[in-house]
Structure formats: C-alpha cells, structure tokens
N, C-alpha and C. Protein backbone atom coordinates (compact mmCIF):
# COMPACT_ATOMS: atom_id res chain seq x y z
N MET A 1 120.07 134.79 106.73
CA MET A 1 119.96 135.54 105.49
C MET A 1 118.91 136.63 105.67
N LYS A 2 119.14 137.76 105.07
CA LYS A 2 118.20 138.88 105.19
C LYS A 2 117.01 138.71 104.26
N LYS A 3 115.98 139.46 104.55
CA LYS A 3 114.77 139.47 103.73
C LYS A 3 114.99 140.36 102.50
N ALA A 4 114.23 140.09 101.46
CA ALA A 4 114.31 140.90 100.25
C ALA A 4 114.00 142.37 100.55
N SER A 5 113.08 142.61 101.47
CA SER A 5 112.73 143.99 101.81
C SER A 5 113.92 144.73 102.43
N GLU A 6 114.76 144.01 103.17
CA GLU A 6 115.95 144.64 103.75
C GLU A 6 116.96 144.98 102.66
N TYR A 7 117.10 144.10 101.67
CA TYR A 7 117.99 144.39 100.55
C TYR A 7 117.50 145.63 99.80
N ARG A 8 116.19 145.72 99.61
CA ARG A 8 115.64 146.89 98.91
C ARG A 8 115.83 148.17 99.71
N GLN A 9 115.79 148.05 101.03
CA GLN A 9 116.03 149.22 101.87
C GLN A 9 117.47 149.72 101.67
N HIS A 10 118.41 148.79 101.59
CA HIS A 10 119.81 149.18 101.33
C HIS A 10 119.92 149.85 99.96
N ALA A 11 119.21 149.31 98.97
CA ALA A 11 119.23 149.91 97.64
C ALA A 11 118.69 151.34 97.68
N ASP A 12 117.60 151.54 98.41
CA ASP A 12 117.03 152.89 98.54
C ASP A 12 118.01 153.85 99.20
N GLU A 13 118.71 153.37 100.22
CA GLU A 13 119.70 154.22 100.90
C GLU A 13 120.82 154.62 99.95
N CYS A 14 121.28 153.68 99.14
CA CYS A 14 122.33 153.99 98.17
C CYS A 14 121.85 155.03 97.16
N ARG A 15 120.61 154.87 96.69
CA ARG A 15 120.06 155.84 95.72
C ARG A 15 119.91 157.22 96.35
N GLN A 16 119.46 157.27 97.61
CA GLN A 16 119.32 158.56 98.29
C GLN A 16 120.66 159.26 98.42
N LEU A 17 121.69 158.52 98.80
CA LEU A 17 123.03 159.10 98.90
C LEU A 17 123.51 159.58 97.53
N ALA A 18 123.28 158.77 96.51
CA ALA A 18 123.71 159.13 95.16
C ALA A 18 123.02 160.40 94.68
N ASN A 19 121.75 160.55 95.02
CA ASN A 19 121.00 161.73 94.58
C ASN A 19 121.50 163.02 95.24
N ARG A 20 122.17 162.89 96.38
CA ARG A 20 122.72 164.07 97.06
C ARG A 20 124.09 164.47 96.51
N MET A 21 124.67 163.60 95.70
CA MET A 21 126.00 163.87 95.15
C MET A 21 125.89 164.44 93.75
N GLY A 22 126.91 165.15 93.38
CA GLY A 22 126.99 165.62 92.00
C GLY A 22 127.41 164.47 91.10
N VAL A 23 127.47 164.76 89.83
CA VAL A 23 127.90 163.75 88.86
C VAL A 23 129.35 163.38 89.18
N GLY A 24 129.62 162.10 89.17
CA GLY A 24 130.99 161.66 89.43
C GLY A 24 131.07 160.18 89.74
N GLU A 25 132.31 159.75 89.97
CA GLU A 25 132.58 158.33 90.19
C GLU A 25 131.88 157.78 91.43
N HIS A 26 131.87 158.54 92.52
CA HIS A 26 131.24 158.05 93.75
C HIS A 26 129.73 157.86 93.56
N ARG A 27 129.11 158.78 92.86
CA ARG A 27 127.67 158.66 92.59
C ARG A 27 127.40 157.41 91.77
N ASP A 28 128.22 157.21 90.74
CA ASP A 28 128.06 156.03 89.89
C ASP A 28 128.23 154.74 90.68
N GLN A 29 129.20 154.73 91.60
CA GLN A 29 129.41 153.54 92.43
C GLN A 29 128.21 153.27 93.32
N LEU A 30 127.63 154.32 93.89
CA LEU A 30 126.44 154.14 94.73
C LEU A 30 125.27 153.60 93.93
N LEU A 31 125.11 154.08 92.70
CA LEU A 31 124.03 153.57 91.85
C LEU A 31 124.27 152.11 91.47
N GLU A 32 125.53 151.74 91.25
CA GLU A 32 125.85 150.34 90.99
C GLU A 32 125.55 149.48 92.21
N MET A 33 125.87 150.00 93.39
CA MET A 33 125.57 149.28 94.63
C MET A 33 124.06 149.09 94.78
N ALA A 34 123.29 150.12 94.45
CA ALA A 34 121.83 150.02 94.52
C ALA A 34 121.33 148.92 93.59
N ALA A 35 121.88 148.87 92.39
CA ALA A 35 121.47 147.83 91.43
C ALA A 35 121.83 146.44 91.95
N THR A 36 122.97 146.33 92.60
CA THR A 36 123.37 145.04 93.18
C THR A 36 122.42 144.62 94.29
N TRP A 37 122.05 145.57 95.17
CA TRP A 37 121.10 145.25 96.24
C TRP A 37 119.76 144.81 95.65
N GLU A 38 119.31 145.48 94.58
CA GLU A 38 118.04 145.09 93.94
C GLU A 38 118.14 143.68 93.37
N ALA A 39 119.28 143.36 92.76
CA ALA A 39 119.47 142.01 92.22
C ALA A 39 119.45 140.97 93.34
N LEU A 40 120.07 141.29 94.46
CA LEU A 40 120.04 140.38 95.61
C LEU A 40 118.61 140.18 96.11
N ALA A 41 117.82 141.25 96.11
CA ALA A 41 116.42 141.14 96.54
C ALA A 41 115.65 140.21 95.60
N ALA A 42 115.86 140.37 94.31
CA ALA A 42 115.19 139.51 93.34
C ALA A 42 115.62 138.05 93.50
N ASP A 43 116.91 137.85 93.73
CA ASP A 43 117.41 136.49 93.95
C ASP A 43 116.80 135.87 95.20
N ARG A 44 116.69 136.67 96.26
CA ARG A 44 116.10 136.19 97.52
C ARG A 44 114.64 135.79 97.30
N GLU A 45 113.90 136.63 96.57
CA GLU A 45 112.50 136.31 96.30
C GLU A 45 112.37 135.02 95.49
N ALA A 46 113.25 134.84 94.51
CA ALA A 46 113.21 133.62 93.70
C ALA A 46 113.54 132.40 94.56
N LEU A 47 114.51 132.55 95.45
CA LEU A 47 114.89 131.44 96.33
C LEU A 47 113.74 131.05 97.25
N VAL A 48 113.08 132.04 97.84
CA VAL A 48 111.97 131.77 98.75
C VAL A 48 110.78 131.17 98.00
N THR A 49 110.60 131.58 96.75
CA THR A 49 109.53 131.01 95.94
C THR A 49 109.79 129.52 95.68
N ARG A 50 111.04 129.19 95.39
CA ARG A 50 111.40 127.79 95.14
C ARG A 50 111.46 126.96 96.42
N HIS A 51 111.83 127.61 97.51
CA HIS A 51 112.02 126.90 98.79
C HIS A 51 111.29 127.67 99.90
N PRO A 52 109.97 127.53 99.98
CA PRO A 52 109.19 128.28 100.97
C PRO A 52 109.63 128.04 102.41
N GLU A 53 110.29 126.93 102.67
CA GLU A 53 110.75 126.65 104.03
C GLU A 53 111.82 127.64 104.50
N LEU A 54 112.39 128.40 103.56
CA LEU A 54 113.41 129.40 103.91
C LEU A 54 112.80 130.75 104.26
N THR A 55 111.48 130.87 104.13
CA THR A 55 110.80 132.12 104.42
C THR A 55 110.98 132.50 105.88
N GLN A 56 111.31 133.77 106.11
CA GLN A 56 111.44 134.30 107.47
C GLN A 56 110.14 134.99 107.86
N ASP A 57 109.94 135.18 109.16
CA ASP A 57 108.75 135.88 109.65
C ASP A 57 108.60 137.22 108.94
N GLY A 58 107.39 137.48 108.44
CA GLY A 58 107.10 138.75 107.80
C GLY A 58 107.59 138.85 106.37
N GLU A 59 108.11 137.78 105.82
CA GLU A 59 108.63 137.81 104.46
C GLU A 59 107.62 137.20 103.52
N GLY A 60 107.19 137.97 102.52
CA GLY A 60 106.24 137.46 101.54
C GLY A 60 106.96 136.62 100.51
N THR A 61 106.20 135.79 99.82
CA THR A 61 106.79 134.95 98.77
C THR A 61 106.45 135.46 97.38
N GLY A 62 105.73 136.59 97.30
CA GLY A 62 105.37 137.13 96.00
C GLY A 62 106.41 138.09 95.48
N LYS A 63 106.18 138.58 94.28
CA LYS A 63 107.09 139.54 93.67
C LYS A 63 106.87 140.91 94.28
N GLY A 64 107.84 141.79 94.07
CA GLY A 64 107.72 143.15 94.58
C GLY A 64 108.25 143.26 95.98
N LYS A 65 108.03 144.43 96.57
CA LYS A 65 108.54 144.67 97.92
C LYS A 65 107.80 143.81 98.92
N ALA A 66 108.56 143.13 99.74
CA ALA A 66 107.97 142.25 100.76
C ALA A 66 107.97 142.93 102.11
C-alpha cells in the first residue's frame, strides 16, 4: 500500500493538470480525481493511526502531509 504522501502527490498532479485546462468536463474530472486522492490519503492516515504496525518507512502517523 502506498503512503499518504504519495496519494497527495497524485492529487497535486491532478490539480496541476486541471489548472492548465480551460473550463470543461476534463478539468472537472481531474479535480474529482484530486479529491479522491486526498480522501485516500486521509483514509491511509486514519488506518496507520489505528494500526501503527502498518506504517511504512518514512511515513508519519500524524495528520497532514507525511
């Protein structure tokens, strides 16, 4: 399983691509993808908080970017 920071990196990439596009369906889809990646990051952080044994090297157990 990936680290929350990796999920957030994917979210940032989606937002960067969306910002380069004009208004439209593709931009909206990229922003939805970014929101999904952020939700996955939050879920990962919650999981690691509940189960510290799942922590990977370099992965923090606190809130925010790890």
